[in-house]
């Protein structure tokens, strides 16, 4: 209430001071009572200052009073005494330091030394150093540790001590330099700097002495010795598998398990085909049709004749459109897919043989008959599969394998659907 009265007084005072100021201005304009006018204007200024000062004066924050909720009396809680359960005494292993942890190879066969006393990983390491001259500070690939179970740095040092690696010098060191670095050396000798890398190296070696190069090239690099070349030639099957494993499907492990056979051969196509055929047959026995398709892809990669390659690629198409997958499972229509790269590969092969439609249909029919006994189920019949192949090879936009599968699925009896798809509804 008092606050409201005070506000009213401030309003009245403001109006009164305003009236005083107006009166003072009129008296000054009429040039009468100058002293009174000046007094009224000064009084107005002082009153205005006081009013504004009180209006903008910062007010202290007063906490809001919140009504306290009635507090309920806390019930008395009787503490519960817990007894620790009794366990059988067990020995708790001490924490193992990281440096104490022993890495386990993916395959124990890598921990078995070869007849010459080398680990398989050491042969691959020597091969890595041999196919180009590298600086001794080159970063070593991580697969030596996580795949071949060797410390690449330690075993490199051992190979050097055993005489399988030596320090490169002269022209060999020049191969480790980049084009820009080679041009800098040429500039120092006032020689022409144009040309490819090998031309630059030949220009440097042809215009400098070995002693001069030795003083200018201070970095170090490793190169394989003749002794190393001889060892690598003996175990070329291992380096071949390491280099071509992703294409052929034959890994270093596969070679080690059949090492006696591989060491007697100069070419590995026949034994690779034999291994892949065995793996393909094993996949069919285990009803792993997805894995079997991968084996067919490897067989197509390693075959020596385009005719066999076409046979395998058409067989892959039949497997991919069947719907059969690993563990004898049938994929539902929503999972249908085909890699367009297969269409391009088959299309190029068909074009290279200049096959017409009837000839291609005849070849496809032979492969279908060969495959019919391998696959327990196929969404399409032979005619439907060949029509699908034609559309697939032309990469038509209206080609939709999901639709073809769905149509076939809709025609299946309910008992057959339950048998093929017990885990899914299409």
Protein backbone atom coordinates (compact mmCIF):
# COMPACT_ATOMS: atom_id res chain seq x y z
CA UNK A 1 0.00 0.00 0.00
CA UNK A 2 2.79 2.40 0.95
CA UNK A 3 4.57 1.61 -2.30
CA UNK A 4 1.54 2.55 -4.36
CA UNK A 5 1.18 5.89 -2.49
CA UNK A 6 4.84 6.63 -3.13
CA UNK A 7 4.42 5.96 -6.84
CA UNK A 8 1.43 8.33 -7.00
CA UNK A 9 3.46 11.06 -5.26
CA UNK A 10 6.24 10.59 -7.82
CA UNK A 11 3.78 11.00 -10.68
CA UNK A 12 2.31 14.18 -9.16
CA UNK A 13 5.81 15.56 -8.53
CA UNK A 14 6.75 14.84 -12.13
CA UNK A 15 3.70 16.68 -13.41
CA UNK A 16 4.38 19.65 -11.08
CA UNK A 17 8.03 19.94 -12.18
CA UNK A 18 6.96 19.77 -15.81
CA UNK A 19 4.51 22.62 -15.17
CA UNK A 20 7.29 24.63 -13.48
CA UNK A 21 9.55 24.15 -16.49
CA UNK A 22 6.86 25.26 -18.96
CA UNK A 23 6.14 28.34 -16.84
CA UNK A 24 9.85 29.21 -16.71
CA UNK A 25 10.16 28.94 -20.49
CA UNK A 26 7.16 31.23 -21.05
CA UNK A 27 8.58 33.87 -18.69
CA UNK A 28 11.92 33.78 -20.49
CA UNK A 29 10.28 34.08 -23.90
CA UNK A 30 8.26 37.11 -22.75
CA UNK A 31 11.46 38.59 -21.33
CA UNK A 32 9.90 39.14 -17.94
CA UNK A 33 10.88 37.87 -14.52
CA UNK A 34 14.15 36.38 -15.70
CA UNK A 35 15.24 35.48 -12.21
CA UNK A 36 12.02 33.61 -11.43
CA UNK A 37 12.19 31.75 -14.76
CA UNK A 38 15.76 30.70 -14.19
CA UNK A 39 14.84 29.44 -10.72
CA UNK A 40 11.95 27.37 -12.04
CA UNK A 41 14.12 25.72 -14.77
CA UNK A 42 16.89 24.84 -12.27
CA UNK A 43 14.29 23.38 -9.89
CA UNK A 44 12.89 21.28 -12.78
CA UNK A 45 16.36 19.92 -13.65
CA UNK A 46 17.08 18.95 -10.01
CA UNK A 47 13.70 17.26 -9.59
CA UNK A 48 14.07 15.36 -12.88
CA UNK A 49 17.53 14.15 -11.88
CA UNK A 50 16.25 12.85 -8.53
CA UNK A 51 13.28 11.10 -10.16
CA UNK A 52 15.42 9.34 -12.79
CA UNK A 53 18.01 8.35 -10.20
CA UNK A 54 15.39 6.63 -8.07
CA UNK A 55 13.83 4.98 -11.14
CA UNK A 56 17.09 3.42 -12.44
CA UNK A 57 18.63 2.60 -9.09
CA UNK A 58 19.50 -1.11 -9.04
CA UNK A 59 17.27 -2.97 -6.64
CA UNK A 60 18.64 -5.82 -4.61
CA UNK A 61 17.39 -9.28 -5.53
CA UNK A 62 14.99 -10.39 -2.88
CA UNK A 63 14.55 -14.11 -2.66
CA UNK A 64 11.13 -15.41 -3.46
CA UNK A 65 9.48 -16.84 -0.43
CA UNK A 66 8.27 -20.33 -1.21
CA UNK A 67 5.74 -21.86 1.00
CA UNK A 68 7.23 -24.85 2.74
CA UNK A 69 5.52 -28.16 2.23
CA UNK A 70 4.57 -29.94 5.38
CA UNK A 71 7.25 -32.48 6.15
CA UNK A 72 6.18 -36.03 6.81
CA UNK A 73 7.88 -37.74 9.69
CA UNK A 74 10.45 -40.26 8.45
CA UNK A 75 9.70 -43.80 9.46
CA UNK A 76 12.24 -45.47 11.60
CA UNK A 77 14.37 -47.84 9.52
CA UNK A 78 15.87 -50.82 11.15
CA UNK A 79 19.30 -51.51 9.63
CA UNK A 80 19.62 -54.89 7.94
CA UNK A 81 22.79 -56.76 8.61
CA UNK A 82 23.95 -58.52 5.42
CA UNK A 83 26.07 -61.58 5.62
CA UNK A 84 28.61 -62.18 2.84
CA UNK A 85 27.94 -65.32 0.82
CA UNK A 86 30.51 -68.03 1.14
CA UNK A 87 32.28 -68.96 -2.11
CA UNK A 88 34.68 -71.72 -2.85
CA UNK A 89 38.23 -70.58 -2.72
CA UNK A 90 39.55 -69.70 -6.16
CA UNK A 91 42.92 -68.48 -7.30
CA UNK A 92 42.60 -65.08 -8.94
CA UNK A 93 45.23 -64.57 -11.64
CA UNK A 94 47.40 -61.51 -11.32
CA UNK A 95 47.06 -58.71 -13.83
CA UNK A 96 49.13 -59.38 -16.93
CA UNK A 97 51.26 -56.58 -18.29
CA UNK A 98 50.73 -55.73 -21.95
CA UNK A 99 54.30 -56.66 -22.78
CA UNK A 100 53.71 -60.15 -21.35
CA UNK A 101 50.75 -60.94 -23.60
CA UNK A 102 51.72 -63.46 -26.28
CA UNK A 103 50.07 -63.03 -29.67
CA UNK A 104 48.43 -66.14 -31.06
CA UNK A 105 48.76 -66.73 -34.81
CA UNK A 106 45.65 -67.18 -36.90
CA UNK A 107 46.95 -70.59 -37.88
CA UNK A 108 49.47 -72.59 -35.78
CA UNK A 109 51.14 -73.68 -39.01
CA UNK A 110 52.93 -70.32 -39.09
CA UNK A 111 54.78 -71.25 -35.90
CA UNK A 112 56.32 -74.32 -37.53
CA UNK A 113 59.71 -73.82 -39.18
CA UNK A 114 60.36 -74.96 -42.74
CA UNK A 115 63.02 -77.51 -43.63
CA UNK A 116 65.60 -74.74 -44.03
CA UNK A 117 64.99 -73.44 -40.52
CA UNK A 118 62.91 -70.42 -41.51
CA UNK A 119 59.42 -69.50 -40.41
CA UNK A 120 56.96 -69.02 -43.30
CA UNK A 121 56.62 -65.37 -42.31
CA UNK A 122 60.38 -64.88 -42.74
CA UNK A 123 60.15 -66.01 -46.36
CA UNK A 124 57.36 -63.50 -46.97
CA UNK A 125 59.38 -60.81 -45.18
CA UNK A 126 62.42 -61.52 -47.34
CA UNK A 127 60.20 -61.35 -50.42
CA UNK A 128 58.87 -57.96 -49.24
CA UNK A 129 62.42 -56.58 -49.01
CA UNK A 130 63.49 -58.13 -52.31
CA UNK A 131 60.99 -56.90 -54.90
CA UNK A 132 62.31 -53.33 -54.58
CA UNK A 133 65.17 -51.57 -52.80
CA UNK A 134 63.77 -49.89 -49.70
CA UNK A 135 65.13 -47.60 -47.03
CA UNK A 136 66.06 -49.35 -43.80
CA UNK A 137 63.55 -47.04 -42.10
CA UNK A 138 60.66 -48.15 -44.30
CA UNK A 139 57.42 -48.84 -42.46
CA UNK A 140 56.88 -52.59 -42.22
CA UNK A 141 53.35 -53.91 -42.93
CA UNK A 142 51.30 -54.91 -39.91
CA UNK A 143 50.26 -58.26 -41.40
CA UNK A 144 53.64 -59.76 -40.47
CA UNK A 145 52.57 -59.60 -36.83
CA UNK A 146 48.83 -60.26 -36.93
CA UNK A 147 48.91 -62.85 -39.74
CA UNK A 148 52.36 -64.39 -39.94
CA UNK A 149 53.13 -64.07 -36.21
CA UNK A 150 56.62 -62.59 -36.50
CA UNK A 151 58.22 -59.37 -35.35
CA UNK A 152 59.21 -57.91 -38.72
CA UNK A 153 61.84 -55.56 -37.33
CA UNK A 154 63.60 -58.25 -35.30
CA UNK A 155 63.53 -60.80 -38.12
CA UNK A 156 64.79 -58.21 -40.62
CA UNK A 157 67.84 -57.74 -38.43
CA UNK A 158 68.33 -61.53 -38.30
CA UNK A 159 68.10 -61.82 -42.09
CA UNK A 160 70.71 -59.08 -42.38
CA UNK A 161 73.05 -60.90 -39.96
CA UNK A 162 72.58 -64.19 -41.82
CA UNK A 163 73.60 -62.61 -45.12
CA UNK A 164 70.19 -62.54 -46.85
CA UNK A 165 70.03 -58.74 -46.86
CA UNK A 166 72.79 -56.24 -47.51
CA UNK A 167 73.14 -52.47 -47.64
CA UNK A 168 72.55 -50.98 -51.07
CA UNK A 169 75.03 -48.52 -52.54
CA UNK A 170 75.59 -46.26 -55.55
CA UNK A 171 73.01 -46.65 -58.28
CA UNK A 172 70.88 -48.93 -56.09
CA UNK A 173 70.43 -46.10 -53.59
CA UNK A 174 69.34 -43.77 -56.37
CA UNK A 175 66.32 -46.02 -56.92
CA UNK A 176 65.06 -45.16 -53.43
CA UNK A 177 64.93 -41.44 -54.25
CA UNK A 178 62.06 -39.55 -55.83
CA UNK A 179 62.21 -37.71 -59.15
CA UNK A 180 62.48 -34.32 -57.41
CA UNK A 181 65.47 -35.52 -55.36
CA UNK A 182 67.17 -36.92 -58.45
CA UNK A 183 66.72 -33.60 -60.25
CA UNK A 184 68.36 -31.79 -57.33
CA UNK A 185 71.43 -34.01 -57.71
CA UNK A 186 71.50 -33.32 -61.45
CA UNK A 187 71.37 -29.60 -60.78
CA UNK A 188 74.41 -29.89 -58.51
CA UNK A 189 76.33 -31.38 -61.44
CA UNK A 190 74.85 -28.87 -63.91
CA UNK A 191 73.24 -31.71 -65.88
CA UNK A 192 69.93 -31.78 -67.76
CA UNK A 193 66.98 -32.50 -65.47
CA UNK A 194 64.36 -33.63 -68.00
CA UNK A 195 63.33 -37.23 -68.57
CA UNK A 196 61.84 -40.21 -66.75
CA UNK A 197 63.18 -41.55 -63.46
CA UNK A 198 65.30 -44.29 -65.00
CA UNK A 199 66.80 -41.78 -67.45
CA UNK A 200 67.69 -39.48 -64.57
CA UNK A 201 69.41 -42.32 -62.71
CA UNK A 202 71.41 -43.33 -65.77
CA UNK A 203 72.43 -39.72 -66.34
CA UNK A 204 73.69 -39.42 -62.76
CA UNK A 205 75.60 -42.71 -62.77
CA UNK A 206 77.09 -41.95 -66.18
CA UNK A 207 78.53 -38.62 -65.06
CA UNK A 208 79.65 -39.35 -61.48
CA UNK A 209 82.04 -41.73 -59.80
CA UNK A 210 81.02 -44.33 -57.20
CA UNK A 211 83.09 -42.55 -54.55
CA UNK A 212 81.34 -39.26 -55.24
CA UNK A 213 77.91 -40.89 -55.06
CA UNK A 214 78.85 -42.60 -51.81
CA UNK A 215 79.64 -39.26 -50.18
CA UNK A 216 76.47 -37.60 -51.48
CA UNK A 217 74.02 -40.44 -50.68
CA UNK A 218 74.15 -40.75 -46.92
CA UNK A 219 70.91 -42.68 -46.31
CA UNK A 220 70.85 -46.50 -46.11
CA UNK A 221 68.69 -49.11 -47.81
CA UNK A 222 68.42 -52.90 -47.95
CA UNK A 223 68.55 -55.15 -50.99
CA UNK A 224 68.34 -58.91 -51.31
CA UNK A 225 71.55 -60.87 -51.81
CA UNK A 226 72.01 -63.69 -54.35
CA UNK A 227 71.68 -66.07 -51.41
CA UNK A 228 68.24 -64.62 -50.71
CA UNK A 229 67.22 -64.93 -54.38
CA UNK A 230 68.07 -68.61 -54.27
CA UNK A 231 65.98 -69.16 -51.14
CA UNK A 232 63.03 -67.24 -52.56
CA UNK A 233 63.16 -69.25 -55.78
CA UNK A 234 62.93 -72.45 -53.74
CA UNK A 235 59.86 -71.23 -51.87
CA UNK A 236 58.29 -69.28 -54.71
CA UNK A 237 55.02 -71.13 -54.06
CA UNK A 238 54.70 -69.26 -50.75
CA UNK A 239 55.37 -65.85 -52.26
CA UNK A 240 53.01 -66.69 -55.14
CA UNK A 241 50.20 -67.51 -52.69
CA UNK A 242 50.91 -64.38 -50.67
CA UNK A 243 50.80 -62.20 -53.78
CA UNK A 244 47.86 -63.86 -55.58
CA UNK A 245 45.77 -65.32 -52.77
CA UNK A 246 42.85 -62.91 -53.12
CA UNK A 247 42.51 -63.72 -56.81
CA UNK A 248 43.13 -67.46 -56.76
CA UNK A 249 41.60 -68.30 -53.38
CA UNK A 250 44.72 -70.31 -52.49
CA UNK A 251 46.25 -68.88 -49.33
CA UNK A 252 49.70 -69.36 -47.82
CA UNK A 253 48.07 -71.76 -45.34
CA UNK A 254 46.80 -73.90 -48.24
CA UNK A 255 50.29 -74.06 -49.73
CA UNK A 256 51.89 -74.98 -46.39
CA UNK A 257 49.43 -77.83 -45.93
CA UNK A 258 50.39 -79.16 -49.38
CA UNK A 259 54.00 -77.93 -49.42
CA UNK A 260 55.57 -81.17 -50.67
CA UNK A 261 53.41 -81.05 -53.80
CA UNK A 262 53.94 -77.34 -54.43
CA UNK A 263 57.75 -77.51 -54.08
CA UNK A 264 57.92 -79.98 -56.97
CA UNK A 265 56.05 -77.68 -59.37
CA UNK A 266 57.11 -74.70 -61.46
CA UNK A 267 53.53 -73.74 -62.34
CA UNK A 268 50.64 -73.82 -59.87
CA UNK A 269 47.55 -73.63 -62.09
CA UNK A 270 46.80 -77.37 -62.06
CA UNK A 271 47.23 -77.89 -58.33
CA UNK A 272 45.21 -74.72 -57.68
CA UNK A 273 42.39 -76.06 -59.81
CA UNK A 274 42.57 -79.35 -57.91
CA UNK A 275 42.37 -77.63 -54.51
CA UNK A 276 39.48 -75.41 -55.58
CA UNK A 277 37.53 -78.35 -57.01
CA UNK A 278 37.90 -80.18 -53.70
CA UNK A 279 36.73 -77.14 -51.76
CA UNK A 280 33.79 -76.69 -54.13
CA UNK A 281 32.73 -80.31 -53.64
CA UNK A 282 33.09 -79.95 -49.86
CA UNK A 283 30.88 -76.84 -49.91
CA UNK A 284 28.17 -78.73 -51.78
CA UNK A 285 28.36 -81.60 -49.31
CA UNK A 286 27.93 -79.16 -46.42
CA UNK A 287 25.14 -77.34 -48.30
CA UNK A 288 27.11 -74.10 -48.22
CA UNK A 289 26.02 -72.86 -51.62
CA UNK A 290 27.15 -69.28 -51.00
CA UNK A 291 30.70 -70.50 -50.36
CA UNK A 292 30.43 -72.78 -53.40
CA UNK A 293 29.65 -69.72 -55.54
CA UNK A 294 32.85 -68.07 -54.28
CA UNK A 295 34.85 -71.16 -55.22
CA UNK A 296 33.36 -70.99 -58.73
CA UNK A 297 34.57 -67.40 -58.97
CA UNK A 298 38.11 -68.47 -58.03
CA UNK A 299 37.97 -71.30 -60.58
CA UNK A 300 36.96 -68.79 -63.25
CA UNK A 301 39.89 -66.57 -62.26
CA UNK A 302 42.54 -69.29 -62.56
CA UNK A 303 41.28 -71.12 -65.62
CA UNK A 304 43.49 -70.95 -68.69
CA UNK A 305 40.82 -71.01 -71.41
CA UNK A 306 37.99 -68.51 -72.10
CA UNK A 307 35.63 -71.44 -72.78
CA UNK A 308 36.04 -72.77 -69.24
CA UNK A 309 35.75 -69.24 -67.86
CA UNK A 310 32.39 -68.78 -69.63
CA UNK A 311 31.23 -72.12 -68.24
CA UNK A 312 32.05 -71.07 -64.67
CA UNK A 313 30.50 -67.60 -65.03
CA UNK A 314 27.23 -69.01 -66.36
CA UNK A 315 27.27 -71.50 -63.52
CA UNK A 316 27.72 -68.61 -61.09
CA UNK A 317 24.67 -66.91 -62.63
CA UNK A 318 22.58 -70.06 -62.10
CA UNK A 319 23.73 -70.31 -58.47
CA UNK A 320 23.09 -66.62 -57.79
CA UNK A 321 19.57 -66.75 -59.22
CA UNK A 322 18.68 -69.99 -57.40
CA UNK A 323 18.19 -68.39 -53.99
CA UNK A 324 20.27 -71.08 -52.26
CA UNK A 325 22.69 -69.91 -49.57
CA UNK A 326 24.85 -71.39 -46.83
CA UNK A 327 23.62 -74.12 -44.46
CA UNK A 328 20.99 -75.09 -47.02
CA UNK A 329 19.07 -71.86 -46.39
CA UNK A 330 16.90 -70.34 -49.12
CA UNK A 331 16.97 -66.55 -49.36
CA UNK A 332 13.58 -64.77 -49.42
CA UNK A 333 12.63 -62.66 -52.46
CA UNK A 334 13.46 -59.42 -50.63
CA UNK A 335 17.13 -60.54 -50.48
CA UNK A 336 17.49 -61.06 -54.24
CA UNK A 337 20.46 -59.28 -55.81
CA UNK A 338 22.92 -59.70 -58.70
CA UNK A 339 26.26 -58.03 -59.27
CA UNK A 340 26.18 -56.12 -62.56
CA UNK A 341 29.89 -56.82 -63.01
CA UNK A 342 28.94 -60.44 -63.71
CA UNK A 343 26.78 -59.26 -66.62
CA UNK A 344 29.68 -57.28 -68.08
CA UNK A 345 32.09 -60.24 -67.76
CA UNK A 346 29.68 -62.71 -69.37
CA UNK A 347 28.75 -60.15 -72.03
CA UNK A 348 32.38 -59.57 -73.02
CA UNK A 349 33.06 -63.32 -73.20
CA UNK A 350 29.96 -63.98 -75.31
CA UNK A 351 30.92 -61.13 -77.64
CA UNK A 352 34.50 -62.45 -77.99
CA UNK A 353 33.13 -65.81 -79.16
CA UNK A 354 30.52 -64.08 -81.33
CA UNK A 355 27.84 -66.40 -79.95
CA UNK A 356 24.30 -66.09 -81.28
CA UNK A 357 21.21 -66.64 -79.12
CA UNK A 358 20.69 -70.30 -80.05
CA UNK A 359 24.32 -71.23 -79.34
CA UNK A 360 24.27 -69.44 -76.01
CA UNK A 361 20.98 -71.16 -75.14
CA UNK A 362 22.51 -74.56 -75.94
CA UNK A 363 25.55 -73.90 -73.73
CA UNK A 364 23.30 -72.61 -70.95
CA UNK A 365 21.12 -75.74 -71.18
CA UNK A 366 24.17 -77.99 -70.74
CA UNK A 367 25.30 -76.07 -67.67
CA UNK A 368 21.76 -76.11 -66.28
CA UNK A 369 21.66 -79.90 -66.57
CA UNK A 370 25.05 -80.13 -64.84
CA UNK A 371 23.90 -77.83 -62.04
CA UNK A 372 20.42 -79.29 -61.59
CA UNK A 373 21.70 -82.14 -59.42
CA UNK A 374 23.76 -79.78 -57.24
CA UNK A 375 21.03 -77.35 -56.21
CA UNK A 376 18.06 -78.68 -54.22
CA UNK A 377 15.95 -75.63 -55.09
CA UNK A 378 15.79 -72.90 -57.72
CA UNK A 379 13.27 -70.08 -57.94
CA UNK A 380 13.27 -70.25 -61.75
CA UNK A 381 13.01 -73.03 -64.29
CA UNK A 382 15.48 -73.39 -67.17
CA UNK A 383 13.48 -71.24 -69.59
CA UNK A 384 12.84 -68.53 -67.03
CA UNK A 385 16.50 -68.50 -66.01
CA UNK A 386 17.69 -68.10 -69.61
CA UNK A 387 15.22 -65.25 -70.23
CA UNK A 388 16.50 -63.65 -67.04
CA UNK A 389 20.07 -64.06 -68.34
CA UNK A 390 19.20 -62.27 -71.58
CA UNK A 391 17.67 -59.34 -69.73
CA UNK A 392 20.57 -59.31 -67.30
CA UNK A 393 23.19 -59.19 -70.06
CA UNK A 394 21.43 -56.26 -71.69
CA UNK A 395 21.32 -54.50 -68.29
CA UNK A 396 17.67 -53.61 -68.85
CA UNK A 397 16.20 -51.26 -66.31
CA UNK A 398 13.05 -53.38 -66.03
CA UNK A 399 15.09 -56.46 -65.01
CA UNK A 400 14.17 -57.14 -61.39
CA UNK A 401 15.24 -60.41 -59.78
CA UNK A 402 13.15 -59.68 -56.68
CA UNK A 403 10.00 -59.59 -58.79
CA UNK A 404 10.91 -62.88 -60.52
CA UNK A 405 11.52 -64.54 -57.16
CA UNK A 406 8.32 -63.14 -55.68
CA UNK A 407 6.23 -64.49 -58.55
CA UNK A 408 7.76 -67.92 -58.10
CA UNK A 409 7.26 -67.71 -54.33
CA UNK A 410 3.58 -66.83 -54.72
CA UNK A 411 3.03 -70.00 -56.76
CA UNK A 412 4.52 -72.29 -54.09
CA UNK A 413 2.13 -74.40 -51.97
CA UNK A 414 1.85 -73.30 -48.36
CA UNK A 415 3.48 -76.53 -47.16
CA UNK A 416 6.47 -75.88 -49.42
CA UNK A 417 6.75 -72.28 -48.18
CA UNK A 418 6.81 -73.45 -44.58
CA UNK A 419 9.46 -76.02 -45.45
CA UNK A 420 11.72 -73.55 -47.32
CA UNK A 421 11.18 -70.47 -45.15
CA UNK A 422 10.53 -71.60 -41.57
CA UNK A 423 12.27 -68.49 -40.23
CA UNK A 424 10.85 -65.78 -42.45
CA UNK A 425 7.70 -64.49 -44.08
CA UNK A 426 8.00 -63.09 -47.60
